[in-house]
Amino acid sequence: ALTVIVDLLEKYGQGGNCMESHMAFTYHNSFLIADRKEAWVLETSG
């Protein structure tokens, strides 16, 4: 799942407003990714 996310990040980047209002508000995302056997923290910047 981590690989899927970083591959999509490389292909499409990050973007899009985080609010429904007209105020522009964006940020970089972080993820907690876990299955039955292991867990990962993924943090992004662009």
ModelCIF file with pLDDT and N, C-alpha, C, O atoms, coordinates in Angstrom:
data_MODEL
#
_entry.id   MODEL 
#
_entity.id                         1 
_entity.type                       polymer 
_entity.pdbx_number_of_molecules   1 
#
_entity_poly.entity_id                      1 
_entity_poly.type                           'polypeptide(L)' 
_entity_poly.nstd_linkage                   no 
_entity_poly.nstd_monomer                   no 
_entity_poly.pdbx_seq_one_letter_code       ALTVIVDLLEKYGQGGNCMESHMAFTYHNSFLIADRKEAWVLETSG 
_entity_poly.pdbx_seq_one_letter_code_can   ALTVIVDLLEKYGQGGNCMESHMAFTYHNSFLIADRKEAWVLETSG 
_entity_poly.pdbx_strand_id                 A 
#
loop_
_entity_poly_seq.entity_id 
_entity_poly_seq.num 
_entity_poly_seq.mon_id 
_entity_poly_seq.hetero 
1 1  ALA n 
1 2  LEU n 
1 3  THR n 
1 4  VAL n 
1 5  ILE n 
1 6  VAL n 
1 7  ASP n 
1 8  LEU n 
1 9  LEU n 
1 10 GLU n 
1 11 LYS n 
1 12 TYR n 
1 13 GLY n 
1 14 GLN n 
1 15 GLY n 
1 16 GLY n 
1 17 ASN n 
1 18 CYS n 
1 19 MET n 
1 20 GLU n 
1 21 SER n 
1 22 HIS n 
1 23 MET n 
1 24 ALA n 
1 25 PHE n 
1 26 THR n 
1 27 TYR n 
1 28 HIS n 
1 29 ASN n 
1 30 SER n 
1 31 PHE n 
1 32 LEU n 
1 33 ILE n 
1 34 ALA n 
1 35 ASP n 
1 36 ARG n 
1 37 LYS n 
1 38 GLU n 
1 39 ALA n 
1 40 TRP n 
1 41 VAL n 
1 42 LEU n 
1 43 GLU n 
1 44 THR n 
1 45 SER n 
1 46 GLY n 
#
_struct_asym.id          A 
_struct_asym.entity_id   1 
#
loop_
_ma_qa_metric.id 
_ma_qa_metric.mode 
_ma_qa_metric.name 
_ma_qa_metric.software_group_id 
_ma_qa_metric.type 
1 global pLDDT . pLDDT 
2 local  pLDDT . pLDDT 
#
_ma_qa_metric_global.metric_id      1 
_ma_qa_metric_global.metric_value   88.26 
_ma_qa_metric_global.model_id       1 
_ma_qa_metric_global.ordinal_id     1 
#
loop_
_ma_qa_metric_local.label_asym_id 
_ma_qa_metric_local.label_comp_id 
_ma_qa_metric_local.label_seq_id 
_ma_qa_metric_local.metric_id 
_ma_qa_metric_local.metric_value 
_ma_qa_metric_local.model_id 
_ma_qa_metric_local.ordinal_id 
A ALA 1  2 98.00 1 1  
A LEU 2  2 98.00 1 2  
A THR 3  2 98.00 1 3  
A VAL 4  2 98.00 1 4  
A ILE 5  2 97.00 1 5  
A VAL 6  2 97.00 1 6  
A ASP 7  2 97.00 1 7  
A LEU 8  2 95.00 1 8  
A LEU 9  2 94.00 1 9  
A GLU 10 2 94.00 1 10 
A LYS 11 2 94.00 1 11 
A TYR 12 2 91.00 1 12 
A GLY 13 2 88.00 1 13 
A GLN 14 2 85.00 1 14 
A GLY 15 2 74.00 1 15 
A GLY 16 2 72.00 1 16 
A ASN 17 2 73.00 1 17 
A CYS 18 2 70.00 1 18 
A MET 19 2 69.00 1 19 
A GLU 20 2 72.00 1 20 
A SER 21 2 72.00 1 21 
A HIS 22 2 72.00 1 22 
A MET 23 2 72.00 1 23 
A ALA 24 2 74.00 1 24 
A PHE 25 2 70.00 1 25 
A THR 26 2 72.00 1 26 
A TYR 27 2 75.00 1 27 
A HIS 28 2 84.00 1 28 
A ASN 29 2 89.00 1 29 
A SER 30 2 93.00 1 30 
A PHE 31 2 95.00 1 31 
A LEU 32 2 96.00 1 32 
A ILE 33 2 97.00 1 33 
A ALA 34 2 96.00 1 34 
A ASP 35 2 96.00 1 35 
A ARG 36 2 96.00 1 36 
A LYS 37 2 95.00 1 37 
A GLU 38 2 96.00 1 38 
A ALA 39 2 97.00 1 39 
A TRP 40 2 98.00 1 40 
A VAL 41 2 98.00 1 41 
A LEU 42 2 98.00 1 42 
A GLU 43 2 97.00 1 43 
A THR 44 2 95.00 1 44 
A SER 45 2 93.00 1 45 
A GLY 46 2 90.00 1 46 
#
loop_
_atom_site.group_PDB 
_atom_site.id 
_atom_site.type_symbol 
_atom_site.label_atom_id 
_atom_site.label_alt_id 
_atom_site.label_comp_id 
_atom_site.label_asym_id 
_atom_site.label_entity_id 
_atom_site.label_seq_id 
_atom_site.pdbx_PDB_ins_code 
_atom_site.Cartn_x 
_atom_site.Cartn_y 
_atom_site.Cartn_z 
_atom_site.occupancy 
_atom_site.B_iso_or_equiv 
_atom_site.pdbx_formal_charge 
_atom_site.auth_seq_id 
_atom_site.auth_comp_id 
_atom_site.auth_asym_id 
_atom_site.auth_atom_id 
_atom_site.pdbx_PDB_model_num 
ATOM 1   N N  . ALA A 1 1  ? 0.842   -1.208 0.000   1.00 98.00 ? 1  ALA A N  1 
ATOM 2   C CA . ALA A 1 1  ? 0.000   0.000  0.000   1.00 98.00 ? 1  ALA A CA 1 
ATOM 3   C C  . ALA A 1 1  ? 0.872   1.251  0.000   1.00 98.00 ? 1  ALA A C  1 
ATOM 4   O O  . ALA A 1 1  ? 0.561   2.233  -0.675  1.00 98.00 ? 1  ALA A O  1 
ATOM 5   N N  . LEU A 1 2  ? 1.958   1.212  0.756   1.00 98.00 ? 2  LEU A N  1 
ATOM 6   C CA . LEU A 1 2  ? 2.911   2.324  0.749   1.00 98.00 ? 2  LEU A CA 1 
ATOM 7   C C  . LEU A 1 2  ? 3.425   2.558  -0.679  1.00 98.00 ? 2  LEU A C  1 
ATOM 8   O O  . LEU A 1 2  ? 3.493   3.697  -1.141  1.00 98.00 ? 2  LEU A O  1 
ATOM 9   N N  . THR A 1 3  ? 3.782   1.484  -1.360  1.00 98.00 ? 3  THR A N  1 
ATOM 10  C CA . THR A 1 3  ? 4.282   1.584  -2.735  1.00 98.00 ? 3  THR A CA 1 
ATOM 11  C C  . THR A 1 3  ? 3.216   2.161  -3.664  1.00 98.00 ? 3  THR A C  1 
ATOM 12  O O  . THR A 1 3  ? 3.528   2.999  -4.511  1.00 98.00 ? 3  THR A O  1 
ATOM 13  N N  . VAL A 1 4  ? 1.980   1.732  -3.520  1.00 98.00 ? 4  VAL A N  1 
ATOM 14  C CA . VAL A 1 4  ? 0.885   2.283  -4.333  1.00 98.00 ? 4  VAL A CA 1 
ATOM 15  C C  . VAL A 1 4  ? 0.794   3.795  -4.126  1.00 98.00 ? 4  VAL A C  1 
ATOM 16  O O  . VAL A 1 4  ? 0.705   4.555  -5.091  1.00 98.00 ? 4  VAL A O  1 
ATOM 17  N N  . ILE A 1 5  ? 0.817   4.224  -2.874  1.00 97.00 ? 5  ILE A N  1 
ATOM 18  C CA . ILE A 1 5  ? 0.671   5.649  -2.566  1.00 97.00 ? 5  ILE A CA 1 
ATOM 19  C C  . ILE A 1 5  ? 1.833   6.460  -3.134  1.00 97.00 ? 5  ILE A C  1 
ATOM 20  O O  . ILE A 1 5  ? 1.611   7.507  -3.743  1.00 97.00 ? 5  ILE A O  1 
ATOM 21  N N  . VAL A 1 6  ? 3.085   5.988  -2.942  1.00 97.00 ? 6  VAL A N  1 
ATOM 22  C CA . VAL A 1 6  ? 4.218   6.789  -3.442  1.00 97.00 ? 6  VAL A CA 1 
ATOM 23  C C  . VAL A 1 6  ? 4.284   6.772  -4.966  1.00 97.00 ? 6  VAL A C  1 
ATOM 24  O O  . VAL A 1 6  ? 4.727   7.748  -5.573  1.00 97.00 ? 6  VAL A O  1 
ATOM 25  N N  . ASP A 1 7  ? 3.855   5.686  -5.590  1.00 97.00 ? 7  ASP A N  1 
ATOM 26  C CA . ASP A 1 7  ? 3.801   5.661  -7.058  1.00 97.00 ? 7  ASP A CA 1 
ATOM 27  C C  . ASP A 1 7  ? 2.777   6.677  -7.577  1.00 97.00 ? 7  ASP A C  1 
ATOM 28  O O  . ASP A 1 7  ? 3.038   7.375  -8.557  1.00 97.00 ? 7  ASP A O  1 
ATOM 29  N N  . LEU A 1 8  ? 1.621   6.759  -6.928  1.00 95.00 ? 8  LEU A N  1 
ATOM 30  C CA . LEU A 1 8  ? 0.603   7.743  -7.313  1.00 95.00 ? 8  LEU A CA 1 
ATOM 31  C C  . LEU A 1 8  ? 1.089   9.168  -7.047  1.00 95.00 ? 8  LEU A C  1 
ATOM 32  O O  . LEU A 1 8  ? 0.819   10.079 -7.830  1.00 95.00 ? 8  LEU A O  1 
ATOM 33  N N  . LEU A 1 9  ? 1.799   9.350  -5.950  1.00 94.00 ? 9  LEU A N  1 
ATOM 34  C CA . LEU A 1 9  ? 2.360   10.655 -5.627  1.00 94.00 ? 9  LEU A CA 1 
ATOM 35  C C  . LEU A 1 9  ? 3.358   11.094 -6.697  1.00 94.00 ? 9  LEU A C  1 
ATOM 36  O O  . LEU A 1 9  ? 3.361   12.256 -7.105  1.00 94.00 ? 9  LEU A O  1 
ATOM 37  N N  . GLU A 1 10 ? 4.195   10.178 -7.147  1.00 94.00 ? 10 GLU A N  1 
ATOM 38  C CA . GLU A 1 10 ? 5.178   10.491 -8.186  1.00 94.00 ? 10 GLU A CA 1 
ATOM 39  C C  . GLU A 1 10 ? 4.484   10.842 -9.505  1.00 94.00 ? 10 GLU A C  1 
ATOM 40  O O  . GLU A 1 10 ? 4.897   11.768 -10.203 1.00 94.00 ? 10 GLU A O  1 
ATOM 41  N N  . LYS A 1 11 ? 3.435   10.102 -9.836  1.00 94.00 ? 11 LYS A N  1 
ATOM 42  C CA . LYS A 1 11 ? 2.746   10.308 -11.112 1.00 94.00 ? 11 LYS A CA 1 
ATOM 43  C C  . LYS A 1 11 ? 1.853   11.545 -11.105 1.00 94.00 ? 11 LYS A C  1 
ATOM 44  O O  . LYS A 1 11 ? 1.830   12.293 -12.082 1.00 94.00 ? 11 LYS A O  1 
ATOM 45  N N  . TYR A 1 12 ? 1.110   11.770 -10.006 1.00 91.00 ? 12 TYR A N  1 
ATOM 46  C CA . TYR A 1 12 ? 0.102   12.837 -9.989  1.00 91.00 ? 12 TYR A CA 1 
ATOM 47  C C  . TYR A 1 12 ? 0.413   13.990 -9.045  1.00 91.00 ? 12 TYR A C  1 
ATOM 48  O O  . TYR A 1 12 ? -0.187  15.057 -9.171  1.00 91.00 ? 12 TYR A O  1 
ATOM 49  N N  . GLY A 1 13 ? 1.325   13.806 -8.113  1.00 88.00 ? 13 GLY A N  1 
ATOM 50  C CA . GLY A 1 13 ? 1.622   14.846 -7.142  1.00 88.00 ? 13 GLY A CA 1 
ATOM 51  C C  . GLY A 1 13 ? 0.492   15.009 -6.147  1.00 88.00 ? 13 GLY A C  1 
ATOM 52  O O  . GLY A 1 13 ? -0.443  14.210 -6.107  1.00 88.00 ? 13 GLY A O  1 
ATOM 53  N N  . GLN A 1 14 ? 0.593   16.059 -5.341  1.00 85.00 ? 14 GLN A N  1 
ATOM 54  C CA . GLN A 1 14 ? -0.445  16.372 -4.357  1.00 85.00 ? 14 GLN A CA 1 
ATOM 55  C C  . GLN A 1 14 ? -1.118  17.654 -4.790  1.00 85.00 ? 14 GLN A C  1 
ATOM 56  O O  . GLN A 1 14 ? -0.538  18.460 -5.517  1.00 85.00 ? 14 GLN A O  1 
ATOM 57  N N  . GLY A 1 15 ? -2.309  17.833 -4.352  1.00 74.00 ? 15 GLY A N  1 
ATOM 58  C CA . GLY A 1 15 ? -2.977  19.071 -4.691  1.00 74.00 ? 15 GLY A CA 1 
ATOM 59  C C  . GLY A 1 15 ? -4.436  19.001 -4.338  1.00 74.00 ? 15 GLY A C  1 
ATOM 60  O O  . GLY A 1 15 ? -4.936  17.995 -3.834  1.00 74.00 ? 15 GLY A O  1 
ATOM 61  N N  . GLY A 1 16 ? -5.100  20.087 -4.614  1.00 72.00 ? 16 GLY A N  1 
ATOM 62  C CA . GLY A 1 16 ? -6.514  20.147 -4.304  1.00 72.00 ? 16 GLY A CA 1 
ATOM 63  C C  . GLY A 1 16 ? -6.736  20.848 -2.989  1.00 72.00 ? 16 GLY A C  1 
ATOM 64  O O  . GLY A 1 16 ? -5.960  20.710 -2.043  1.00 72.00 ? 16 GLY A O  1 
ATOM 65  N N  . ASN A 1 17 ? -7.788  21.583 -2.951  1.00 73.00 ? 17 ASN A N  1 
ATOM 66  C CA . ASN A 1 17 ? -8.117  22.336 -1.758  1.00 73.00 ? 17 ASN A CA 1 
ATOM 67  C C  . ASN A 1 17 ? -8.654  21.386 -0.687  1.00 73.00 ? 17 ASN A C  1 
ATOM 68  O O  . ASN A 1 17 ? -9.391  20.447 -0.989  1.00 73.00 ? 17 ASN A O  1 
ATOM 69  N N  . CYS A 1 18 ? -8.283  21.637 0.540   1.00 70.00 ? 18 CYS A N  1 
ATOM 70  C CA . CYS A 1 18 ? -8.731  20.814 1.668   1.00 70.00 ? 18 CYS A CA 1 
ATOM 71  C C  . CYS A 1 18 ? -10.008 21.341 2.299   1.00 70.00 ? 18 CYS A C  1 
ATOM 72  O O  . CYS A 1 18 ? -10.511 20.762 3.261   1.00 70.00 ? 18 CYS A O  1 
ATOM 73  N N  . MET A 1 19 ? -10.528 22.421 1.771   1.00 69.00 ? 19 MET A N  1 
ATOM 74  C CA . MET A 1 19 ? -11.741 23.011 2.333   1.00 69.00 ? 19 MET A CA 1 
ATOM 75  C C  . MET A 1 19 ? -12.757 23.235 1.225   1.00 69.00 ? 19 MET A C  1 
ATOM 76  O O  . MET A 1 19 ? -12.396 23.431 0.064   1.00 69.00 ? 19 MET A O  1 
ATOM 77  N N  . GLU A 1 20 ? -14.013 23.206 1.591   1.00 72.00 ? 20 GLU A N  1 
ATOM 78  C CA . GLU A 1 20 ? -15.070 23.445 0.613   1.00 72.00 ? 20 GLU A CA 1 
ATOM 79  C C  . GLU A 1 20 ? -15.277 24.929 0.345   1.00 72.00 ? 20 GLU A C  1 
ATOM 80  O O  . GLU A 1 20 ? -15.909 25.307 -0.641  1.00 72.00 ? 20 GLU A O  1 
ATOM 81  N N  . SER A 1 21 ? -14.740 25.771 1.231   1.00 72.00 ? 21 SER A N  1 
ATOM 82  C CA . SER A 1 21 ? -14.907 27.217 1.049   1.00 72.00 ? 21 SER A CA 1 
ATOM 83  C C  . SER A 1 21 ? -13.985 27.702 -0.070  1.00 72.00 ? 21 SER A C  1 
ATOM 84  O O  . SER A 1 21 ? -13.240 26.916 -0.655  1.00 72.00 ? 21 SER A O  1 
ATOM 85  N N  . HIS A 1 22 ? -14.040 28.964 -0.351  1.00 72.00 ? 22 HIS A N  1 
ATOM 86  C CA . HIS A 1 22 ? -13.200 29.539 -1.402  1.00 72.00 ? 22 HIS A CA 1 
ATOM 87  C C  . HIS A 1 22 ? -11.780 29.810 -0.925  1.00 72.00 ? 22 HIS A C  1 
ATOM 88  O O  . HIS A 1 22 ? -10.900 30.104 -1.733  1.00 72.00 ? 22 HIS A O  1 
ATOM 89  N N  . MET A 1 23 ? -11.551 29.714 0.382   1.00 72.00 ? 23 MET A N  1 
ATOM 90  C CA . MET A 1 23 ? -10.213 29.917 0.913   1.00 72.00 ? 23 MET A CA 1 
ATOM 91  C C  . MET A 1 23 ? -9.311  28.772 0.454   1.00 72.00 ? 23 MET A C  1 
ATOM 92  O O  . MET A 1 23 ? -9.663  27.601 0.594   1.00 72.00 ? 23 MET A O  1 
ATOM 93  N N  . ALA A 1 24 ? -8.164  29.113 -0.085  1.00 74.00 ? 24 ALA A N  1 
ATOM 94  C CA . ALA A 1 24 ? -7.227  28.086 -0.531  1.00 74.00 ? 24 ALA A CA 1 
ATOM 95  C C  . ALA A 1 24 ? -6.462  27.548 0.677   1.00 74.00 ? 24 ALA A C  1 
ATOM 96  O O  . ALA A 1 24 ? -5.809  28.307 1.393   1.00 74.00 ? 24 ALA A O  1 
ATOM 97  N N  . PHE A 1 25 ? -6.545  26.263 0.894   1.00 70.00 ? 25 PHE A N  1 
ATOM 98  C CA . PHE A 1 25 ? -5.845  25.627 1.997   1.00 70.00 ? 25 PHE A CA 1 
ATOM 99  C C  . PHE A 1 25 ? -5.416  24.243 1.548   1.00 70.00 ? 25 PHE A C  1 
ATOM 100 O O  . PHE A 1 25 ? -6.252  23.366 1.330   1.00 70.00 ? 25 PHE A O  1 
ATOM 101 N N  . THR A 1 26 ? -4.128  24.050 1.413   1.00 72.00 ? 26 THR A N  1 
ATOM 102 C CA . THR A 1 26 ? -3.585  22.751 1.023   1.00 72.00 ? 26 THR A CA 1 
ATOM 103 C C  . THR A 1 26 ? -2.488  22.367 2.011   1.00 72.00 ? 26 THR A C  1 
ATOM 104 O O  . THR A 1 26 ? -1.962  23.226 2.718   1.00 72.00 ? 26 THR A O  1 
ATOM 105 N N  . TYR A 1 27 ? -2.145  21.105 2.064   1.00 75.00 ? 27 TYR A N  1 
ATOM 106 C CA . TYR A 1 27 ? -1.040  20.654 2.907   1.00 75.00 ? 27 TYR A CA 1 
ATOM 107 C C  . TYR A 1 27 ? -0.506  19.340 2.358   1.00 75.00 ? 27 TYR A C  1 
ATOM 108 O O  . TYR A 1 27 ? -1.090  18.733 1.461   1.00 75.00 ? 27 TYR A O  1 
ATOM 109 N N  . HIS A 1 28 ? 0.612   18.920 2.917   1.00 84.00 ? 28 HIS A N  1 
ATOM 110 C CA . HIS A 1 28 ? 1.224   17.653 2.539   1.00 84.00 ? 28 HIS A CA 1 
ATOM 111 C C  . HIS A 1 28 ? 0.701   16.576 3.482   1.00 84.00 ? 28 HIS A C  1 
ATOM 112 O O  . HIS A 1 28 ? 0.437   16.846 4.653   1.00 84.00 ? 28 HIS A O  1 
ATOM 113 N N  . ASN A 1 29 ? 0.557   15.385 2.983   1.00 89.00 ? 29 ASN A N  1 
ATOM 114 C CA . ASN A 1 29 ? -0.121  14.334 3.733   1.00 89.00 ? 29 ASN A CA 1 
ATOM 115 C C  . ASN A 1 29 ? 0.830   13.371 4.429   1.00 89.00 ? 29 ASN A C  1 
ATOM 116 O O  . ASN A 1 29 ? 1.968   13.167 4.004   1.00 89.00 ? 29 ASN A O  1 
ATOM 117 N N  . SER A 1 30 ? 0.330   12.792 5.503   1.00 93.00 ? 30 SER A N  1 
ATOM 118 C CA . SER A 1 30 ? 1.010   11.734 6.242   1.00 93.00 ? 30 SER A CA 1 
ATOM 119 C C  . SER A 1 30 ? 0.031   10.580 6.374   1.00 93.00 ? 30 SER A C  1 
ATOM 120 O O  . SER A 1 30 ? -1.184  10.772 6.352   1.00 93.00 ? 30 SER A O  1 
ATOM 121 N N  . PHE A 1 31 ? 0.578   9.377  6.513   1.00 95.00 ? 31 PHE A N  1 
ATOM 122 C CA . PHE A 1 31 ? -0.261  8.183  6.553   1.00 95.00 ? 31 PHE A CA 1 
ATOM 123 C C  . PHE A 1 31 ? 0.264   7.198  7.595   1.00 95.00 ? 31 PHE A C  1 
ATOM 124 O O  . PHE A 1 31 ? 1.474   7.013  7.724   1.00 95.00 ? 31 PHE A O  1 
ATOM 125 N N  . LEU A 1 32 ? -0.630  6.578  8.326   1.00 96.00 ? 32 LEU A N  1 
ATOM 126 C CA . LEU A 1 32 ? -0.327  5.397  9.126   1.00 96.00 ? 32 LEU A CA 1 
ATOM 127 C C  . LEU A 1 32 ? -0.874  4.222  8.320   1.00 96.00 ? 32 LEU A C  1 
ATOM 128 O O  . LEU A 1 32 ? -2.068  4.179  8.022   1.00 96.00 ? 32 LEU A O  1 
ATOM 129 N N  . ILE A 1 33 ? -0.025  3.284  7.971   1.00 97.00 ? 33 ILE A N  1 
ATOM 130 C CA . ILE A 1 33 ? -0.428  2.169  7.116   1.00 97.00 ? 33 ILE A CA 1 
ATOM 131 C C  . ILE A 1 33 ? -0.089  0.874  7.864   1.00 97.00 ? 33 ILE A C  1 
ATOM 132 O O  . ILE A 1 33 ? 1.064   0.644  8.229   1.00 97.00 ? 33 ILE A O  1 
ATOM 133 N N  . ALA A 1 34 ? -1.097  0.039  8.087   1.00 96.00 ? 34 ALA A N  1 
ATOM 134 C CA . ALA A 1 34 ? -0.851  -1.175 8.861   1.00 96.00 ? 34 ALA A CA 1 
ATOM 135 C C  . ALA A 1 34 ? -1.619  -2.358 8.298   1.00 96.00 ? 34 ALA A C  1 
ATOM 136 O O  . ALA A 1 34 ? -2.694  -2.208 7.716   1.00 96.00 ? 34 ALA A O  1 
ATOM 137 N N  . ASP A 1 35 ? -1.045  -3.532 8.484   1.00 96.00 ? 35 ASP A N  1 
ATOM 138 C CA . ASP A 1 35 ? -1.747  -4.781 8.232   1.00 96.00 ? 35 ASP A CA 1 
ATOM 139 C C  . ASP A 1 35 ? -1.541  -5.657 9.468   1.00 96.00 ? 35 ASP A C  1 
ATOM 140 O O  . ASP A 1 35 ? -1.091  -5.158 10.500  1.00 96.00 ? 35 ASP A O  1 
ATOM 141 N N  . ARG A 1 36 ? -1.853  -6.922 9.389   1.00 96.00 ? 36 ARG A N  1 
ATOM 142 C CA . ARG A 1 36 ? -1.736  -7.805 10.553  1.00 96.00 ? 36 ARG A CA 1 
ATOM 143 C C  . ARG A 1 36 ? -0.292  -7.998 11.011  1.00 96.00 ? 36 ARG A C  1 
ATOM 144 O O  . ARG A 1 36 ? -0.049  -8.322 12.174  1.00 96.00 ? 36 ARG A O  1 
ATOM 145 N N  . LYS A 1 37 ? 0.674   -7.800 10.099  1.00 95.00 ? 37 LYS A N  1 
ATOM 146 C CA . LYS A 1 37 ? 2.062   -8.131 10.415  1.00 95.00 ? 37 LYS A CA 1 
ATOM 147 C C  . LYS A 1 37 ? 2.990   -6.942 10.566  1.00 95.00 ? 37 LYS A C  1 
ATOM 148 O O  . LYS A 1 37 ? 4.005   -7.039 11.255  1.00 95.00 ? 37 LYS A O  1 
ATOM 149 N N  . GLU A 1 38 ? 2.665   -5.816 9.934   1.00 96.00 ? 38 GLU A N  1 
ATOM 150 C CA . GLU A 1 38 ? 3.582   -4.684 10.020  1.00 96.00 ? 38 GLU A CA 1 
ATOM 151 C C  . GLU A 1 38 ? 2.856   -3.359 9.872   1.00 96.00 ? 38 GLU A C  1 
ATOM 152 O O  . GLU A 1 38 ? 1.710   -3.291 9.429   1.00 96.00 ? 38 GLU A O  1 
ATOM 153 N N  . ALA A 1 39 ? 3.568   -2.310 10.260  1.00 97.00 ? 39 ALA A N  1 
ATOM 154 C CA . ALA A 1 39 ? 3.011   -0.962 10.160  1.00 97.00 ? 39 ALA A CA 1 
ATOM 155 C C  . ALA A 1 39 ? 4.087   -0.007 9.669   1.00 97.00 ? 39 ALA A C  1 
ATOM 156 O O  . ALA A 1 39 ? 5.274   -0.184 9.944   1.00 97.00 ? 39 ALA A O  1 
ATOM 157 N N  . TRP A 1 40 ? 3.645   1.012  8.936   1.00 98.00 ? 40 TRP A N  1 
ATOM 158 C CA . TRP A 1 40 ? 4.532   2.026  8.374   1.00 98.00 ? 40 TRP A CA 1 
ATOM 159 C C  . TRP A 1 40 ? 3.960   3.412  8.638   1.00 98.00 ? 40 TRP A C  1 
ATOM 160 O O  . TRP A 1 40 ? 2.746   3.598  8.719   1.00 98.00 ? 40 TRP A O  1 
ATOM 161 N N  . VAL A 1 41 ? 4.857   4.373  8.769   1.00 98.00 ? 41 VAL A N  1 
ATOM 162 C CA . VAL A 1 41 ? 4.490   5.787  8.757   1.00 98.00 ? 41 VAL A CA 1 
ATOM 163 C C  . VAL A 1 41 ? 5.063   6.335  7.452   1.00 98.00 ? 41 VAL A C  1 
ATOM 164 O O  . VAL A 1 41 ? 6.248   6.165  7.166   1.00 98.00 ? 41 VAL A O  1 
ATOM 165 N N  . LEU A 1 42 ? 4.222   6.986  6.674   1.00 98.00 ? 42 LEU A N  1 
ATOM 166 C CA . LEU A 1 42 ? 4.640   7.616  5.427   1.00 98.00 ? 42 LEU A CA 1 
ATOM 167 C C  . LEU A 1 42 ? 4.349   9.099  5.543   1.00 98.00 ? 42 LEU A C  1 
ATOM 168 O O  . LEU A 1 42 ? 3.224   9.495  5.846   1.00 98.00 ? 42 LEU A O  1 
ATOM 169 N N  . GLU A 1 43 ? 5.368   9.926  5.302   1.00 97.00 ? 43 GLU A N  1 
ATOM 170 C CA . GLU A 1 43 ? 5.187   11.374 5.342   1.00 97.00 ? 43 GLU A CA 1 
ATOM 171 C C  . GLU A 1 43 ? 5.696   11.975 4.047   1.00 97.00 ? 43 GLU A C  1 
ATOM 172 O O  . GLU A 1 43 ? 6.695   11.525 3.487   1.00 97.00 ? 43 GLU A O  1 
ATOM 173 N N  . THR A 1 44 ? 4.990   13.004 3.577   1.00 95.00 ? 44 THR A N  1 
ATOM 174 C CA . THR A 1 44 ? 5.285   13.563 2.271   1.00 95.00 ? 44 THR A CA 1 
ATOM 175 C C  . THR A 1 44 ? 5.550   15.071 2.338   1.00 95.00 ? 44 THR A C  1 
ATOM 176 O O  . THR A 1 44 ? 5.110   15.771 3.249   1.00 95.00 ? 44 THR A O  1 
ATOM 177 N N  . SER A 1 45 ? 6.280   15.527 1.341   1.00 93.00 ? 45 SER A N  1 
ATOM 178 C CA . SER A 1 45 ? 6.517   16.957 1.143   1.00 93.00 ? 45 SER A CA 1 
ATOM 179 C C  . SER A 1 45 ? 6.584   17.147 -0.366  1.00 93.00 ? 45 SER A C  1 
ATOM 180 O O  . SER A 1 45 ? 7.604   16.862 -0.993  1.00 93.00 ? 45 SER A O  1 
ATOM 181 N N  . GLY A 1 46 ? 5.480   17.634 -0.947  1.00 90.00 ? 46 GLY A N  1 
ATOM 182 C CA . GLY A 1 46 ? 5.402   17.680 -2.405  1.00 90.00 ? 46 GLY A CA 1 
ATOM 183 C C  . GLY A 1 46 ? 5.465   16.253 -2.929  1.00 90.00 ? 46 GLY A C  1 
ATOM 184 O O  . GLY A 1 46 ? 5.416   16.037 -4.139  1.00 90.00 ? 46 GLY A O  1 
#
